[in-house]
Amino acid sequence: MSMPALFKGRLSIPVIGSPLFIISVPDLVIAQCKAGVVGSFPALNARPAALLDEWLARITEELAAYDRAHPERPSAPFAVNQIVHRSNNRLEQDLALCEKYKVPMMITSLGAREELNQAAHRWGGIVFHDVINQFFAHKAIEKGADGLILVAAGAGGHAGTISPFAFVSETRSWFDGPIALSGAIANGRAIRAARVLGADFAYIGSAFIATKEANAVEAYKDMITKSGADDIVYSNLFTGVHGNYLKPSIVNAGLDPDNLPTSDPSKMSFGTDASGERAKPKAWKEIWGSGQGIGAIKDVVPAAELIARFKKEYDEAIDPPL
């Protein structure tokens, strides 16, 4: 396993907080980084687009001030997630702002672009790309990504179906660079297990939804604390890409989670529109994403408190006697 120099001496535990659509905002990112894990957010969370400049200025300035006050325990680096899909008409503008602030880490999704990786390398940044299978993993490295995020079965939001055991093992057979593993990781023992499997980092999202700093409505946070793996539904209905969602939110939207169609989601609806057709529920806003690991999350707490619990569990995790 290989730990990039960017992270050395700056992590309390080997964790990257995943960029959560709508939910990850500067308050959460800064709290994560100060507590010693990589904080991240999607560039598209900053709306209007001009807000991204303000967010990057605030994050870099507050973390720099923290580092000056705590030279013995500097903050973890932060990351910005870029959606590389052709539908993202903000990509070039957002990338220019990342270059302006010399963002230390980029996380790319829904497409791998060689020119983006090269741009980040020019300003000294590194790029991790999220993938759900070996085809996309090879493609990302061929296009110059520095690391891989393996989105395994049980991960929240858009997720794959491959077991983390198989996914890490097969990837390690050809890739010796940094790997982050995503999928139902919500306690320190699971973080330790990811390392034992051969990953460098655990990639954690759903657990951070139930934190004080997360930009999620209270009902969403409460649902996370009261749900478990049996409450997760895997469907492509809401965005056209398969993902994991909270069953109670699907019920609240007036749909039957046990009988969801797999047709074009644009043909589905929530309520009725002018033509009398049902209007589809909105993914992330009404249909809430979550991974299968949330049974370990029982309370809404500050991010630093959650990370402290992760660290305690991680440090105490040892093999039980045979």
C-alpha atoms as a PDB file:
ATOM      1  CA  MET A   1       0.000   0.000   0.000  1.00  0.00           C
ATOM      2  CA  SER A   2       1.168   3.516  -0.698  1.00  0.00           C
ATOM      3  CA  MET A   3       0.233   6.660   1.218  1.00  0.00           C
ATOM      4  CA  PRO A   4       0.718   9.852  -0.839  1.00  0.00           C
ATOM      5  CA  ALA A   5       2.938  12.461   0.799  1.00  0.00           C
ATOM      6  CA  LEU A   6      -0.009  14.854   0.939  1.00  0.00           C
ATOM      7  CA  PHE A   7      -1.553  12.868   3.799  1.00  0.00           C
ATOM      8  CA  LYS A   8       1.492  12.001   5.904  1.00  0.00           C
ATOM      9  CA  GLY A   9       1.334  13.363   9.421  1.00  0.00           C
ATOM     10  CA  ARG A  10      -2.057  14.982   8.788  1.00  0.00           C
ATOM     11  CA  LEU A  11      -4.579  12.210   9.435  1.00  0.00           C
ATOM     12  CA  SER A  12      -5.915  11.004  12.765  1.00  0.00           C
ATOM     13  CA  ILE A  13      -7.380   7.958  11.024  1.00  0.00           C
ATOM     14  CA  PRO A  14      -7.209   6.813   7.367  1.00  0.00           C
ATOM     15  CA  VAL A  15     -10.576   8.206   6.307  1.00  0.00           C
ATOM     16  CA  ILE A  16     -11.839  10.309   3.417  1.00  0.00           C
ATOM     17  CA  GLY A  17     -15.244  11.871   3.950  1.00  0.00           C
ATOM     18  CA  SER A  18     -17.115  11.376   0.692  1.00  0.00           C
ATOM     19  CA  PRO A  19     -18.609  14.383  -1.129  1.00  0.00           C
ATOM     20  CA  LEU A  20     -22.332  14.307  -0.407  1.00  0.00           C
ATOM     21  CA  PHE A  21     -24.639  16.091  -2.837  1.00  0.00           C
ATOM     22  CA  ILE A  22     -26.424  18.995  -1.088  1.00  0.00           C
ATOM     23  CA  ILE A  23     -25.156  17.815   2.320  1.00  0.00           C
ATOM     24  CA  SER A  24     -21.395  18.527   2.200  1.00  0.00           C
ATOM     25  CA  VAL A  25     -20.819  22.235   2.838  1.00  0.00           C
ATOM     26  CA  PRO A  26     -17.879  24.227   4.271  1.00  0.00           C
ATOM     27  CA  ASP A  27     -18.993  23.740   7.894  1.00  0.00           C
ATOM     28  CA  LEU A  28     -18.775  19.964   7.525  1.00  0.00           C
ATOM     29  CA  VAL A  29     -15.598  19.964   5.432  1.00  0.00           C
ATOM     30  CA  ILE A  30     -13.741  22.214   7.879  1.00  0.00           C
ATOM     31  CA  ALA A  31     -14.880  20.141  10.873  1.00  0.00           C
ATOM     32  CA  GLN A  32     -13.736  16.926   9.188  1.00  0.00           C
ATOM     33  CA  CYS A  33     -10.324  18.329   8.261  1.00  0.00           C
ATOM     34  CA  LYS A  34      -9.706  19.776  11.734  1.00  0.00           C
ATOM     35  CA  ALA A  35     -10.541  16.371  13.230  1.00  0.00           C
ATOM     36  CA  GLY A  36      -7.992  14.671  10.988  1.00  0.00           C
ATOM     37  CA  VAL A  37      -9.924  13.160   8.094  1.00  0.00           C
ATOM     38  CA  VAL A  38     -10.127  14.374   4.511  1.00  0.00           C
ATOM     39  CA  GLY A  39     -13.217  16.523   4.072  1.00  0.00           C
ATOM     40  CA  SER A  40     -14.733  16.906   0.618  1.00  0.00           C
ATOM     41  CA  PHE A  41     -17.664  18.475  -1.175  1.00  0.00           C
ATOM     42  CA  PRO A  42     -19.094  18.463  -4.718  1.00  0.00           C
ATOM     43  CA  ALA A  43     -18.321  21.681  -6.588  1.00  0.00           C
ATOM     44  CA  LEU A  44     -21.947  21.633  -7.727  1.00  0.00           C
ATOM     45  CA  ASN A  45     -23.100  22.101  -4.124  1.00  0.00           C
ATOM     46  CA  ALA A  46     -22.016  25.734  -4.413  1.00  0.00           C
ATOM     47  CA  ARG A  47     -24.980  27.417  -6.074  1.00  0.00           C
ATOM     48  CA  PRO A  48     -24.925  29.839  -7.762  1.00  0.00           C
ATOM     49  CA  ALA A  49     -21.588  28.976  -9.339  1.00  0.00           C
ATOM     50  CA  ALA A  50     -19.953  32.166  -8.012  1.00  0.00           C
ATOM     51  CA  LEU A  51     -20.406  30.814  -4.482  1.00  0.00           C
ATOM     52  CA  LEU A  52     -17.649  28.252  -5.110  1.00  0.00           C
ATOM     53  CA  ASP A  53     -15.054  31.043  -4.956  1.00  0.00           C
ATOM     54  CA  GLU A  54     -16.334  32.063  -1.519  1.00  0.00           C
ATOM     55  CA  TRP A  55     -16.389  28.476  -0.277  1.00  0.00           C
ATOM     56  CA  LEU A  56     -12.831  27.753  -1.394  1.00  0.00           C
ATOM     57  CA  ALA A  57     -11.595  31.014   0.113  1.00  0.00           C
ATOM     58  CA  ARG A  58     -13.224  30.237   3.450  1.00  0.00           C
ATOM     59  CA  ILE A  59     -12.015  26.620   3.612  1.00  0.00           C
ATOM     60  CA  THR A  60      -8.403  27.449   2.702  1.00  0.00           C
ATOM     61  CA  GLU A  61      -8.235  30.442   5.052  1.00  0.00           C
ATOM     62  CA  GLU A  62      -9.801  28.701   8.055  1.00  0.00           C
ATOM     63  CA  LEU A  63      -7.659  25.583   7.676  1.00  0.00           C
ATOM     64  CA  ALA A  64      -4.509  27.679   7.237  1.00  0.00           C
ATOM     65  CA  ALA A  65      -5.346  29.587  10.430  1.00  0.00           C
ATOM     66  CA  TYR A  66      -5.952  26.307  12.252  1.00  0.00           C
ATOM     67  CA  ASP A  67      -2.602  24.949  11.065  1.00  0.00           C
ATOM     68  CA  ARG A  68      -0.782  28.056  12.296  1.00  0.00           C
ATOM     69  CA  ALA A  69      -2.399  27.613  15.711  1.00  0.00           C
ATOM     70  CA  HIS A  70      -1.749  23.856  15.814  1.00  0.00           C
ATOM     71  CA  PRO A  71       1.597  23.199  14.088  1.00  0.00           C
ATOM     72  CA  GLU A  72       1.954  19.939  16.008  1.00  0.00           C
ATOM     73  CA  ARG A  73      -1.379  18.661  14.647  1.00  0.00           C
ATOM     74  CA  PRO A  74      -2.173  20.244  11.269  1.00  0.00           C
ATOM     75  CA  SER A  75      -5.498  19.727   9.566  1.00  0.00           C
ATOM     76  CA  ALA A  76      -6.111  17.050   6.977  1.00  0.00           C
ATOM     77  CA  PRO A  77      -6.238  18.181   3.324  1.00  0.00           C
ATOM     78  CA  PHE A  78      -9.592  18.811   1.691  1.00  0.00           C
ATOM     79  CA  ALA A  79     -10.941  17.656  -1.662  1.00  0.00           C
ATOM     80  CA  VAL A  80     -13.344  18.952  -4.285  1.00  0.00           C
ATOM     81  CA  ASN A  81     -15.513  16.556  -6.258  1.00  0.00           C
ATOM     82  CA  GLN A  82     -15.993  17.269  -9.956  1.00  0.00           C
ATOM     83  CA  ILE A  83     -18.733  15.600 -11.996  1.00  0.00           C
ATOM     84  CA  VAL A  84     -16.995  14.965 -15.312  1.00  0.00           C
ATOM     85  CA  HIS A  85     -20.133  13.967 -17.220  1.00  0.00           C
ATOM     86  CA  ARG A  86     -20.829  16.070 -20.333  1.00  0.00           C
ATOM     87  CA  SER A  87     -24.026  17.392 -18.711  1.00  0.00           C
ATOM     88  CA  ASN A  88     -21.941  19.440 -16.262  1.00  0.00           C
ATOM     89  CA  ASN A  89     -21.606  22.787 -18.024  1.00  0.00           C
ATOM     90  CA  ARG A  90     -19.776  24.288 -15.034  1.00  0.00           C
ATOM     91  CA  LEU A  91     -16.774  21.990 -15.157  1.00  0.00           C
ATOM     92  CA  GLU A  92     -14.269  24.337 -16.794  1.00  0.00           C
ATOM     93  CA  GLN A  93     -15.275  27.286 -14.613  1.00  0.00           C
ATOM     94  CA  ASP A  94     -15.139  25.216 -11.422  1.00  0.00           C
ATOM     95  CA  LEU A  95     -11.808  23.692 -12.408  1.00  0.00           C
ATOM     96  CA  ALA A  96     -10.337  27.175 -12.879  1.00  0.00           C
ATOM     97  CA  LEU A  97     -11.348  28.098  -9.332  1.00  0.00           C
ATOM     98  CA  CYS A  98      -9.763  24.902  -8.006  1.00  0.00           C
ATOM     99  CA  GLU A  99      -6.555  25.946  -9.748  1.00  0.00           C
ATOM    100  CA  LYS A 100      -6.817  29.458  -8.243  1.00  0.00           C
ATOM    101  CA  TYR A 101      -6.878  27.994  -4.722  1.00  0.00           C
ATOM    102  CA  LYS A 102      -4.500  25.106  -5.492  1.00  0.00           C
ATOM    103  CA  VAL A 103      -7.014  22.569  -4.199  1.00  0.00           C
ATOM    104  CA  PRO A 104      -4.855  19.714  -2.838  1.00  0.00           C
ATOM    105  CA  MET A 105      -7.112  16.854  -3.925  1.00  0.00           C
ATOM    106  CA  MET A 106      -9.739  16.307  -6.602  1.00  0.00           C
ATOM    107  CA  ILE A 107     -12.317  13.521  -6.659  1.00  0.00           C
ATOM    108  CA  THR A 108     -13.755  12.844 -10.102  1.00  0.00           C
ATOM    109  CA  SER A 109     -17.003  11.043 -10.877  1.00  0.00           C
ATOM    110  CA  LEU A 110     -19.030   9.904 -13.900  1.00  0.00           C
ATOM    111  CA  GLY A 111     -16.169  10.020 -16.340  1.00  0.00           C
ATOM    112  CA  ALA A 112     -12.369  10.147 -16.401  1.00  0.00           C
ATOM    113  CA  ARG A 113     -10.689  13.001 -18.288  1.00  0.00           C
ATOM    114  CA  GLU A 114      -6.977  13.090 -18.925  1.00  0.00           C
ATOM    115  CA  GLU A 115      -6.831  16.888 -19.261  1.00  0.00           C
ATOM    116  CA  LEU A 116      -8.430  17.371 -15.835  1.00  0.00           C
ATOM    117  CA  ASN A 117      -5.876  15.079 -14.217  1.00  0.00           C
ATOM    118  CA  GLN A 118      -3.052  16.931 -15.954  1.00  0.00           C
ATOM    119  CA  ALA A 119      -4.420  20.289 -14.803  1.00  0.00           C
ATOM    120  CA  ALA A 120      -4.502  19.167 -11.170  1.00  0.00           C
ATOM    121  CA  HIS A 121      -0.956  17.839 -11.431  1.00  0.00           C
ATOM    122  CA  ARG A 122       0.255  21.171 -12.797  1.00  0.00           C
ATOM    123  CA  TRP A 123      -0.811  22.993  -9.636  1.00  0.00           C
ATOM    124  CA  GLY A 124       0.437  20.182  -7.373  1.00  0.00           C
ATOM    125  CA  GLY A 125      -2.873  18.442  -6.693  1.00  0.00           C
ATOM    126  CA  ILE A 126      -3.729  14.767  -6.834  1.00  0.00           C
ATOM    127  CA  VAL A 127      -6.808  13.084  -8.307  1.00  0.00           C
ATOM    128  CA  PHE A 128      -8.816  10.110  -7.064  1.00  0.00           C
ATOM    129  CA  HIS A 129     -11.506   8.675  -9.347  1.00  0.00           C
ATOM    130  CA  ASP A 130     -14.500   6.680  -8.126  1.00  0.00           C
ATOM    131  CA  VAL A 131     -15.293   3.412  -9.909  1.00  0.00           C
ATOM    132  CA  ILE A 132     -17.693   0.476  -9.591  1.00  0.00           C
ATOM    133  CA  ASN A 133     -15.777  -2.177 -11.548  1.00  0.00           C
ATOM    134  CA  GLN A 134     -12.401  -3.101 -13.038  1.00  0.00           C
ATOM    135  CA  PHE A 135     -13.183  -1.696 -16.492  1.00  0.00           C
ATOM    136  CA  PHE A 136     -13.607   1.818 -15.127  1.00  0.00           C
ATOM    137  CA  ALA A 137     -10.696   1.360 -12.699  1.00  0.00           C
ATOM    138  CA  HIS A 138      -8.272   0.572 -15.536  1.00  0.00           C
ATOM    139  CA  LYS A 139      -9.659   3.419 -17.610  1.00  0.00           C
ATOM    140  CA  ALA A 140      -9.142   5.932 -14.769  1.00  0.00           C
ATOM    141  CA  ILE A 141      -5.503   4.972 -14.229  1.00  0.00           C
ATOM    142  CA  GLU A 142      -4.811   4.954 -17.956  1.00  0.00           C
ATOM    143  CA  LYS A 143      -6.060   8.538 -18.081  1.00  0.00           C
ATOM    144  CA  GLY A 144      -3.752   9.630 -15.273  1.00  0.00           C
ATOM    145  CA  ALA A 145      -5.704   9.393 -12.023  1.00  0.00           C
ATOM    146  CA  ASP A 146      -3.452   9.026  -8.973  1.00  0.00           C
ATOM    147  CA  GLY A 147      -5.782   6.913  -6.875  1.00  0.00           C
ATOM    148  CA  LEU A 148      -8.994   4.893  -7.000  1.00  0.00           C
ATOM    149  CA  ILE A 149     -12.139   4.963  -4.915  1.00  0.00           C
ATOM    150  CA  LEU A 150     -13.704   1.514  -5.072  1.00  0.00           C
ATOM    151  CA  VAL A 151     -17.452   1.951  -4.628  1.00  0.00           C
ATOM    152  CA  ALA A 152     -18.451  -1.520  -3.492  1.00  0.00           C
ATOM    153  CA  ALA A 153     -21.756  -3.149  -2.608  1.00  0.00           C
ATOM    154  CA  GLY A 154     -23.626  -1.386   0.181  1.00  0.00           C
ATOM    155  CA  ALA A 155     -22.315   2.118  -0.474  1.00  0.00           C
ATOM    156  CA  GLY A 156     -24.711   5.045  -0.273  1.00  0.00           C
ATOM    157  CA  GLY A 157     -25.996   6.895  -3.306  1.00  0.00           C
ATOM    158  CA  HIS A 158     -24.746   5.670  -6.687  1.00  0.00           C
ATOM    159  CA  ALA A 159     -23.109   2.359  -5.852  1.00  0.00           C
ATOM    160  CA  GLY A 160     -21.790  -0.833  -7.356  1.00  0.00           C
ATOM    161  CA  THR A 161     -22.588  -4.451  -6.569  1.00  0.00           C
ATOM    162  CA  ILE A 162     -19.143  -6.034  -6.140  1.00  0.00           C
ATOM    163  CA  SER A 163     -18.100  -7.375  -2.743  1.00  0.00           C
ATOM    164  CA  PRO A 164     -15.364  -5.261  -1.145  1.00  0.00           C
ATOM    165  CA  PHE A 165     -13.321  -8.438  -0.615  1.00  0.00           C
ATOM    166  CA  ALA A 166     -13.238  -9.193  -4.331  1.00  0.00           C
ATOM    167  CA  PHE A 167     -12.980  -5.569  -5.422  1.00  0.00           C
ATOM    168  CA  VAL A 168      -9.912  -4.696  -3.371  1.00  0.00           C
ATOM    169  CA  SER A 169      -8.186  -8.005  -4.037  1.00  0.00           C
ATOM    170  CA  GLU A 170      -8.599  -7.814  -7.803  1.00  0.00           C
ATOM    171  CA  THR A 171      -7.541  -4.172  -7.911  1.00  0.00           C
ATOM    172  CA  ARG A 172      -4.459  -4.762  -5.777  1.00  0.00           C
ATOM    173  CA  SER A 173      -3.358  -7.496  -8.205  1.00  0.00           C
ATOM    174  CA  TRP A 174      -2.479  -4.805 -10.761  1.00  0.00           C
ATOM    175  CA  PHE A 175      -2.531  -1.420  -8.983  1.00  0.00           C
ATOM    176  CA  ASP A 176      -0.112  -0.493  -6.189  1.00  0.00           C
ATOM    177  CA  GLY A 177      -1.261   3.124  -5.834  1.00  0.00           C
ATOM    178  CA  PRO A 178      -3.627   4.573  -3.222  1.00  0.00           C
ATOM    179  CA  ILE A 179      -7.040   2.978  -2.852  1.00  0.00           C
ATOM    180  CA  ALA A 180     -10.040   4.180  -0.877  1.00  0.00           C
ATOM    181  CA  LEU A 181     -12.806   1.670  -0.178  1.00  0.00           C
ATOM    182  CA  SER A 182     -16.464   2.668   0.005  1.00  0.00           C
ATOM    183  CA  GLY A 183     -19.377   0.538   1.125  1.00  0.00           C
ATOM    184  CA  ALA A 184     -21.192   0.234   4.478  1.00  0.00           C
ATOM    185  CA  ILE A 185     -18.307   1.654   6.544  1.00  0.00           C
ATOM    186  CA  ALA A 186     -19.689   3.395   9.620  1.00  0.00           C
ATOM    187  CA  ASN A 187     -17.476   2.457  12.572  1.00  0.00           C
ATOM    188  CA  GLY A 188     -13.804   2.167  13.442  1.00  0.00           C
ATOM    189  CA  ARG A 189     -13.744  -1.616  13.116  1.00  0.00           C
ATOM    190  CA  ALA A 190     -14.890  -1.333   9.522  1.00  0.00           C
ATOM    191  CA  ILE A 191     -12.159   1.245   8.874  1.00  0.00           C
ATOM    192  CA  ARG A 192      -9.598  -1.214  10.251  1.00  0.00           C
ATOM    193  CA  ALA A 193     -11.107  -3.971   8.085  1.00  0.00           C
ATOM    194  CA  ALA A 194     -10.705  -1.824   4.969  1.00  0.00           C
ATOM    195  CA  ARG A 195      -7.011  -1.487   5.755  1.00  0.00           C
ATOM    196  CA  VAL A 196      -6.646  -5.231   6.352  1.00  0.00           C
ATOM    197  CA  LEU A 197      -8.254  -5.898   2.969  1.00  0.00           C
ATOM    198  CA  GLY A 198      -5.561  -3.815   1.315  1.00  0.00           C
ATOM    199  CA  ALA A 199      -7.131  -0.370   1.005  1.00  0.00           C
ATOM    200  CA  ASP A 200      -5.285   2.739   2.176  1.00  0.00           C
ATOM    201  CA  PHE A 201      -8.409   4.642   3.181  1.00  0.00           C
ATOM    202  CA  ALA A 202     -11.996   4.096   4.203  1.00  0.00           C
ATOM    203  CA  TYR A 203     -14.355   6.312   2.211  1.00  0.00           C
ATOM    204  CA  ILE A 204     -17.277   7.280   4.445  1.00  0.00           C
ATOM    205  CA  GLY A 205     -20.407   9.202   3.529  1.00  0.00           C
ATOM    206  CA  SER A 206     -23.678   8.134   5.125  1.00  0.00           C
ATOM    207  CA  ALA A 207     -22.418   8.345   8.707  1.00  0.00           C
ATOM    208  CA  PHE A 208     -21.625  12.038   8.214  1.00  0.00           C
ATOM    209  CA  ILE A 209     -25.211  12.818   7.201  1.00  0.00           C
ATOM    210  CA  ALA A 210     -26.161  12.465  10.874  1.00  0.00           C
ATOM    211  CA  THR A 211     -23.816  15.213  12.070  1.00  0.00           C
ATOM    212  CA  LYS A 212     -24.575  18.708  13.302  1.00  0.00           C
ATOM    213  CA  GLU A 213     -22.639  20.341  10.455  1.00  0.00           C
ATOM    214  CA  ALA A 214     -24.264  18.403   7.618  1.00  0.00           C
ATOM    215  CA  ASN A 215     -26.633  20.361   5.385  1.00  0.00           C
ATOM    216  CA  ALA A 216     -29.425  17.792   5.659  1.00  0.00           C
ATOM    217  CA  VAL A 217     -32.916  18.375   6.999  1.00  0.00           C
ATOM    218  CA  GLU A 218     -33.488  17.069  10.507  1.00  0.00           C
ATOM    219  CA  ALA A 219     -35.932  14.411   9.293  1.00  0.00           C
ATOM    220  CA  TYR A 220     -33.195  12.961   7.063  1.00  0.00           C
ATOM    221  CA  LYS A 221     -30.692  12.884   9.923  1.00  0.00           C
ATOM    222  CA  ASP A 222     -33.278  11.292  12.202  1.00  0.00           C
ATOM    223  CA  MET A 223     -34.106   8.645   9.596  1.00  0.00           C
ATOM    224  CA  ILE A 224     -30.410   7.710   9.360  1.00  0.00           C
ATOM    225  CA  THR A 225     -30.241   7.097  13.128  1.00  0.00           C
ATOM    226  CA  LYS A 226     -33.372   4.950  13.116  1.00  0.00           C
ATOM    227  CA  SER A 227     -32.632   2.820  10.058  1.00  0.00           C
ATOM    228  CA  GLY A 228     -30.514  -0.219   9.263  1.00  0.00           C
ATOM    229  CA  ALA A 229     -29.377  -2.301   6.312  1.00  0.00           C
ATOM    230  CA  ASP A 230     -32.865  -3.731   5.762  1.00  0.00           C
ATOM    231  CA  ASP A 231     -34.115  -0.192   5.155  1.00  0.00           C
ATOM    232  CA  ILE A 232     -31.932   0.325   2.066  1.00  0.00           C
ATOM    233  CA  VAL A 233     -33.346  -0.071  -1.452  1.00  0.00           C
ATOM    234  CA  TYR A 234     -31.167  -0.421  -4.560  1.00  0.00           C
ATOM    235  CA  SER A 235     -32.807   1.126  -7.619  1.00  0.00           C
ATOM    236  CA  ASN A 236     -32.062   2.991 -10.849  1.00  0.00           C
ATOM    237  CA  LEU A 237     -35.479   4.667 -10.918  1.00  0.00           C
ATOM    238  CA  PHE A 238     -34.593   8.044  -9.492  1.00  0.00           C
ATOM    239  CA  THR A 239     -31.553   9.087 -11.532  1.00  0.00           C
ATOM    240  CA  GLY A 240     -31.135   6.412 -14.182  1.00  0.00           C
ATOM    241  CA  VAL A 241     -28.066   5.068 -12.344  1.00  0.00           C
ATOM    242  CA  HIS A 242     -28.401   2.365  -9.705  1.00  0.00           C
ATOM    243  CA  GLY A 243     -28.052   3.640  -6.171  1.00  0.00           C
ATOM    244  CA  ASN A 244     -28.953   2.918  -2.557  1.00  0.00           C
ATOM    245  CA  TYR A 245     -31.766   4.874  -0.922  1.00  0.00           C
ATOM    246  CA  LEU A 246     -33.644   4.952   2.364  1.00  0.00           C
ATOM    247  CA  LYS A 247     -36.847   2.933   2.121  1.00  0.00           C
ATOM    248  CA  PRO A 248     -38.855   5.227   4.453  1.00  0.00           C
ATOM    249  CA  SER A 249     -38.137   8.215   2.183  1.00  0.00           C
ATOM    250  CA  ILE A 250     -39.465   6.257  -0.784  1.00  0.00           C
ATOM    251  CA  VAL A 251     -42.613   5.430   1.166  1.00  0.00           C
ATOM    252  CA  ASN A 252     -42.991   9.091   2.148  1.00  0.00           C
ATOM    253  CA  ALA A 253     -42.846   9.990  -1.553  1.00  0.00           C
ATOM    254  CA  GLY A 254     -45.900   7.821  -2.202  1.00  0.00           C
ATOM    255  CA  LEU A 255     -44.083   4.923  -3.882  1.00  0.00           C
ATOM    256  CA  ASP A 256     -43.934   1.210  -3.067  1.00  0.00           C
ATOM    257  CA  PRO A 257     -40.243   0.424  -2.350  1.00  0.00           C
ATOM    258  CA  ASP A 258     -40.845  -3.279  -2.961  1.00  0.00           C
ATOM    259  CA  ASN A 259     -42.274  -2.719  -6.438  1.00  0.00           C
ATOM    260  CA  LEU A 260     -40.252   0.037  -8.053  1.00  0.00           C
ATOM    261  CA  PRO A 261     -40.150   0.003 -11.858  1.00  0.00           C
ATOM    262  CA  THR A 262     -36.850   0.136 -13.725  1.00  0.00           C
ATOM    263  CA  SER A 263     -38.150   2.150 -16.660  1.00  0.00           C
ATOM    264  CA  ASP A 264     -36.870   5.571 -17.674  1.00  0.00           C
ATOM    265  CA  PRO A 265     -37.103   7.650 -14.472  1.00  0.00           C
ATOM    266  CA  SER A 266     -38.215  10.702 -16.459  1.00  0.00           C
ATOM    267  CA  LYS A 267     -41.507   8.908 -17.008  1.00  0.00           C
ATOM    268  CA  MET A 268     -42.139   8.506 -13.310  1.00  0.00           C
ATOM    269  CA  SER A 269     -43.742  11.091 -11.069  1.00  0.00           C
ATOM    270  CA  PHE A 270     -44.601  12.392  -7.659  1.00  0.00           C
ATOM    271  CA  GLY A 271     -48.077  13.852  -7.356  1.00  0.00           C
ATOM    272  CA  THR A 272     -49.514  14.987 -10.704  1.00  0.00           C
ATOM    273  CA  ASP A 273     -48.490  17.478 -13.349  1.00  0.00           C
ATOM    274  CA  ALA A 274     -50.702  19.521 -15.669  1.00  0.00           C
ATOM    275  CA  SER A 275     -51.269  16.567 -17.978  1.00  0.00           C
ATOM    276  CA  GLY A 276     -52.492  14.377 -15.157  1.00  0.00           C
ATOM    277  CA  GLU A 277     -49.289  12.311 -15.229  1.00  0.00           C
ATOM    278  CA  ARG A 278     -47.514  11.607 -11.965  1.00  0.00           C
ATOM    279  CA  ALA A 279     -44.519  13.881 -11.448  1.00  0.00           C
ATOM    280  CA  LYS A 280     -41.367  12.003 -10.378  1.00  0.00           C
ATOM    281  CA  PRO A 281     -39.887  12.434  -6.875  1.00  0.00           C
ATOM    282  CA  LYS A 282     -36.553  14.204  -6.742  1.00  0.00           C
ATOM    283  CA  ALA A 283     -33.493  12.130  -5.886  1.00  0.00           C
ATOM    284  CA  TRP A 284     -31.495  13.484  -2.910  1.00  0.00           C
ATOM    285  CA  LYS A 285     -34.112  16.150  -2.065  1.00  0.00           C
ATOM    286  CA  GLU A 286     -37.105  13.834  -1.509  1.00  0.00           C
ATOM    287  CA  ILE A 287     -35.583  10.393  -2.039  1.00  0.00           C
ATOM    288  CA  TRP A 288     -32.686  10.218   0.404  1.00  0.00           C
ATOM    289  CA  GLY A 289     -29.515   8.286  -0.318  1.00  0.00           C
ATOM    290  CA  SER A 290     -27.812   6.089   2.258  1.00  0.00           C
ATOM    291  CA  GLY A 291     -25.503   3.106   2.543  1.00  0.00           C
ATOM    292  CA  GLN A 292     -26.083  -0.163   4.351  1.00  0.00           C
ATOM    293  CA  GLY A 293     -23.783   0.621   7.289  1.00  0.00           C
ATOM    294  CA  ILE A 294     -26.076   3.072   9.057  1.00  0.00           C
ATOM    295  CA  GLY A 295     -27.170   0.588  11.715  1.00  0.00           C
ATOM    296  CA  ALA A 296     -24.062   1.745  13.590  1.00  0.00           C
ATOM    297  CA  ILE A 297     -25.272   5.372  13.669  1.00  0.00           C
ATOM    298  CA  LYS A 298     -27.604   6.020  16.600  1.00  0.00           C
ATOM    299  CA  ASP A 299     -27.305   9.756  17.298  1.00  0.00           C
ATOM    300  CA  VAL A 300     -26.835  13.088  15.567  1.00  0.00           C
ATOM    301  CA  VAL A 301     -23.517  14.436  16.861  1.00  0.00           C
ATOM    302  CA  PRO A 302     -20.841  16.956  15.836  1.00  0.00           C
ATOM    303  CA  ALA A 303     -18.504  15.606  13.164  1.00  0.00           C
ATOM    304  CA  ALA A 304     -15.517  15.808  15.519  1.00  0.00           C
ATOM    305  CA  GLU A 305     -17.328  13.596  18.041  1.00  0.00           C
ATOM    306  CA  LEU A 306     -18.142  11.017  15.381  1.00  0.00           C
ATOM    307  CA  ILE A 307     -14.526  10.983  14.173  1.00  0.00           C
ATOM    308  CA  ALA A 308     -13.274  10.619  17.758  1.00  0.00           C
ATOM    309  CA  ARG A 309     -15.505   7.546  18.117  1.00  0.00           C
ATOM    310  CA  PHE A 310     -14.171   6.164  14.845  1.00  0.00           C
ATOM    311  CA  LYS A 311     -10.604   6.629  16.097  1.00  0.00           C
ATOM    312  CA  LYS A 312     -11.284   4.928  19.429  1.00  0.00           C
ATOM    313  CA  GLU A 313     -12.903   1.946  17.717  1.00  0.00           C
ATOM    314  CA  TYR A 314     -10.150   1.839  15.108  1.00  0.00           C
ATOM    315  CA  ASP A 315      -7.403   1.823  17.740  1.00  0.00           C
ATOM    316  CA  GLU A 316      -9.156  -0.885  19.745  1.00  0.00           C
ATOM    317  CA  ALA A 317      -9.894  -3.144  16.794  1.00  0.00           C
ATOM    318  CA  ILE A 318      -7.877  -6.358  17.072  1.00  0.00           C
ATOM    319  CA  ASP A 319      -8.414  -9.913  15.984  1.00  0.00           C
ATOM    320  CA  PRO A 320     -10.457 -11.888  18.546  1.00  0.00           C
ATOM    321  CA  PRO A 321      -8.837 -15.058  19.892  1.00  0.00           C
ATOM    322  CA  LEU A 322      -9.573 -18.250  17.970  1.00  0.00           C
END
